[in-house]
Amino acid sequence: MLLKGTSVDPATAQVPRVNPVQGNPTKTESINGGEYSARAIILGVGAQYKF
């Protein structure tokens, strides 16, 4: 396996949610906690014929 997944504990997550309104800023919870993984199947085929 080339890529290994990772796990981010929600208690230690550090990316805050974006507040879409201006004004009195309020503290929001972090949103990057959870399980992350990626998978891909790549297949390449080539052929050449000359006569």
N, C-alpha and C. Protein backbone atom coordinates (compact mmCIF):
# COMPACT_ATOMS: atom_id res chain seq x y z
N MET A 1 0.85 -1.18 0.00
CA MET A 1 0.00 0.00 0.00
C MET A 1 0.90 1.23 0.00
N LEU A 2 0.65 2.14 -0.93
CA LEU A 2 1.48 3.34 -1.04
C LEU A 2 1.05 4.44 -0.07
N LEU A 3 -0.24 4.62 0.08
CA LEU A 3 -0.76 5.67 0.95
C LEU A 3 -1.49 5.05 2.13
N LYS A 4 -1.17 5.54 3.30
CA LYS A 4 -1.83 5.05 4.50
C LYS A 4 -2.81 6.11 4.99
N GLY A 5 -3.98 5.69 5.41
CA GLY A 5 -4.98 6.63 5.93
C GLY A 5 -4.53 7.21 7.26
N THR A 6 -5.24 8.22 7.70
CA THR A 6 -4.92 8.84 8.98
C THR A 6 -6.20 9.13 9.74
N SER A 7 -6.06 9.30 11.02
CA SER A 7 -7.19 9.59 11.88
C SER A 7 -6.88 10.85 12.68
N VAL A 8 -7.82 11.80 12.70
CA VAL A 8 -7.67 13.04 13.46
C VAL A 8 -8.70 13.02 14.58
N ASP A 9 -8.21 13.08 15.80
CA ASP A 9 -9.10 13.10 16.96
C ASP A 9 -9.90 14.40 16.97
N PRO A 10 -11.23 14.35 17.04
CA PRO A 10 -12.03 15.58 17.05
C PRO A 10 -11.67 16.52 18.21
N ALA A 11 -11.13 15.98 19.29
CA ALA A 11 -10.76 16.83 20.43
C ALA A 11 -9.50 17.65 20.13
N THR A 12 -8.66 17.19 19.21
CA THR A 12 -7.43 17.91 18.88
C THR A 12 -7.48 18.55 17.49
N ALA A 13 -8.62 18.53 16.83
CA ALA A 13 -8.76 19.15 15.51
C ALA A 13 -8.51 20.65 15.61
N GLN A 14 -7.84 21.23 14.60
CA GLN A 14 -7.45 22.63 14.72
C GLN A 14 -7.89 23.51 13.55
N VAL A 15 -8.68 23.04 12.63
CA VAL A 15 -9.15 23.88 11.53
C VAL A 15 -10.54 24.39 11.92
N PRO A 16 -10.66 25.71 12.15
CA PRO A 16 -11.97 26.25 12.57
C PRO A 16 -12.92 26.38 11.40
N ARG A 17 -14.19 26.32 11.68
CA ARG A 17 -15.22 26.55 10.67
C ARG A 17 -15.21 28.03 10.30
N VAL A 18 -15.42 28.34 9.02
CA VAL A 18 -15.44 29.72 8.56
C VAL A 18 -16.79 30.35 8.90
N ASN A 19 -16.75 31.52 9.51
CA ASN A 19 -17.97 32.25 9.85
C ASN A 19 -18.32 33.12 8.65
N PRO A 20 -19.44 32.88 7.96
CA PRO A 20 -19.76 33.62 6.74
C PRO A 20 -20.27 35.04 6.94
N VAL A 21 -20.52 35.44 8.17
CA VAL A 21 -21.03 36.79 8.42
C VAL A 21 -20.02 37.59 9.21
N GLN A 22 -20.02 38.90 8.98
CA GLN A 22 -19.15 39.78 9.74
C GLN A 22 -19.94 40.32 10.94
N GLY A 23 -19.24 40.74 11.91
CA GLY A 23 -19.90 41.27 13.10
C GLY A 23 -19.21 40.74 14.33
N ASN A 24 -19.98 40.41 15.33
CA ASN A 24 -19.41 39.87 16.55
C ASN A 24 -18.94 38.44 16.31
N PRO A 25 -17.63 38.21 16.28
CA PRO A 25 -17.15 36.84 16.04
C PRO A 25 -17.48 35.93 17.22
N THR A 26 -17.89 34.75 16.91
CA THR A 26 -18.17 33.75 17.94
C THR A 26 -17.26 32.56 17.73
N LYS A 27 -16.94 31.88 18.79
CA LYS A 27 -16.08 30.71 18.70
C LYS A 27 -16.89 29.56 18.08
N THR A 28 -16.28 28.89 17.10
CA THR A 28 -16.93 27.75 16.46
C THR A 28 -16.09 26.51 16.67
N GLU A 29 -16.71 25.37 16.55
CA GLU A 29 -15.98 24.12 16.73
C GLU A 29 -15.13 23.84 15.49
N SER A 30 -14.09 23.03 15.67
CA SER A 30 -13.21 22.65 14.57
C SER A 30 -13.89 21.58 13.73
N ILE A 31 -13.54 21.53 12.44
CA ILE A 31 -14.27 20.66 11.53
C ILE A 31 -13.42 19.57 10.88
N ASN A 32 -12.13 19.46 11.21
CA ASN A 32 -11.30 18.49 10.49
C ASN A 32 -11.09 17.18 11.24
N GLY A 33 -11.84 16.89 12.26
CA GLY A 33 -11.69 15.63 12.98
C GLY A 33 -12.37 14.49 12.25
N GLY A 34 -11.75 13.32 12.25
CA GLY A 34 -12.35 12.15 11.62
C GLY A 34 -11.33 11.26 10.94
N GLU A 35 -11.81 10.36 10.10
CA GLU A 35 -10.95 9.41 9.39
C GLU A 35 -10.73 9.90 7.96
N TYR A 36 -9.49 9.84 7.50
CA TYR A 36 -9.15 10.25 6.14
C TYR A 36 -8.42 9.11 5.44
N SER A 37 -8.85 8.80 4.22
CA SER A 37 -8.17 7.78 3.43
C SER A 37 -8.41 8.07 1.95
N ALA A 38 -7.56 7.50 1.10
CA ALA A 38 -7.70 7.68 -0.34
C ALA A 38 -7.42 6.35 -1.03
N ARG A 39 -8.09 6.15 -2.16
CA ARG A 39 -7.89 4.92 -2.91
C ARG A 39 -8.04 5.23 -4.39
N ALA A 40 -7.22 4.59 -5.22
CA ALA A 40 -7.31 4.79 -6.67
C ALA A 40 -6.89 3.53 -7.38
N ILE A 41 -7.59 3.21 -8.46
CA ILE A 41 -7.21 2.10 -9.33
C ILE A 41 -6.77 2.72 -10.65
N ILE A 42 -5.51 2.46 -11.02
CA ILE A 42 -4.96 3.04 -12.23
C ILE A 42 -4.52 1.91 -13.15
N LEU A 43 -4.99 1.96 -14.39
CA LEU A 43 -4.67 0.92 -15.36
C LEU A 43 -4.25 1.61 -16.66
N GLY A 44 -3.11 1.20 -17.19
CA GLY A 44 -2.64 1.77 -18.44
C GLY A 44 -2.35 0.65 -19.43
N VAL A 45 -2.81 0.82 -20.67
CA VAL A 45 -2.60 -0.18 -21.72
C VAL A 45 -2.17 0.57 -22.99
N GLY A 46 -1.21 0.02 -23.67
CA GLY A 46 -0.77 0.63 -24.92
C GLY A 46 -0.45 -0.46 -25.95
N ALA A 47 -0.67 -0.15 -27.21
CA ALA A 47 -0.37 -1.08 -28.29
C ALA A 47 0.05 -0.30 -29.53
N GLN A 48 0.96 -0.88 -30.28
CA GLN A 48 1.40 -0.25 -31.52
C GLN A 48 1.65 -1.35 -32.54
N TYR A 49 1.21 -1.13 -33.77
CA TYR A 49 1.38 -2.13 -34.83
C TYR A 49 1.89 -1.42 -36.08
N LYS A 50 3.02 -1.90 -36.62
CA LYS A 50 3.57 -1.36 -37.86
C LYS A 50 3.79 -2.49 -38.84
N PHE A 51 3.55 -2.22 -40.12
CA PHE A 51 3.85 -3.23 -41.15
C PHE A 51 4.48 -2.57 -42.34
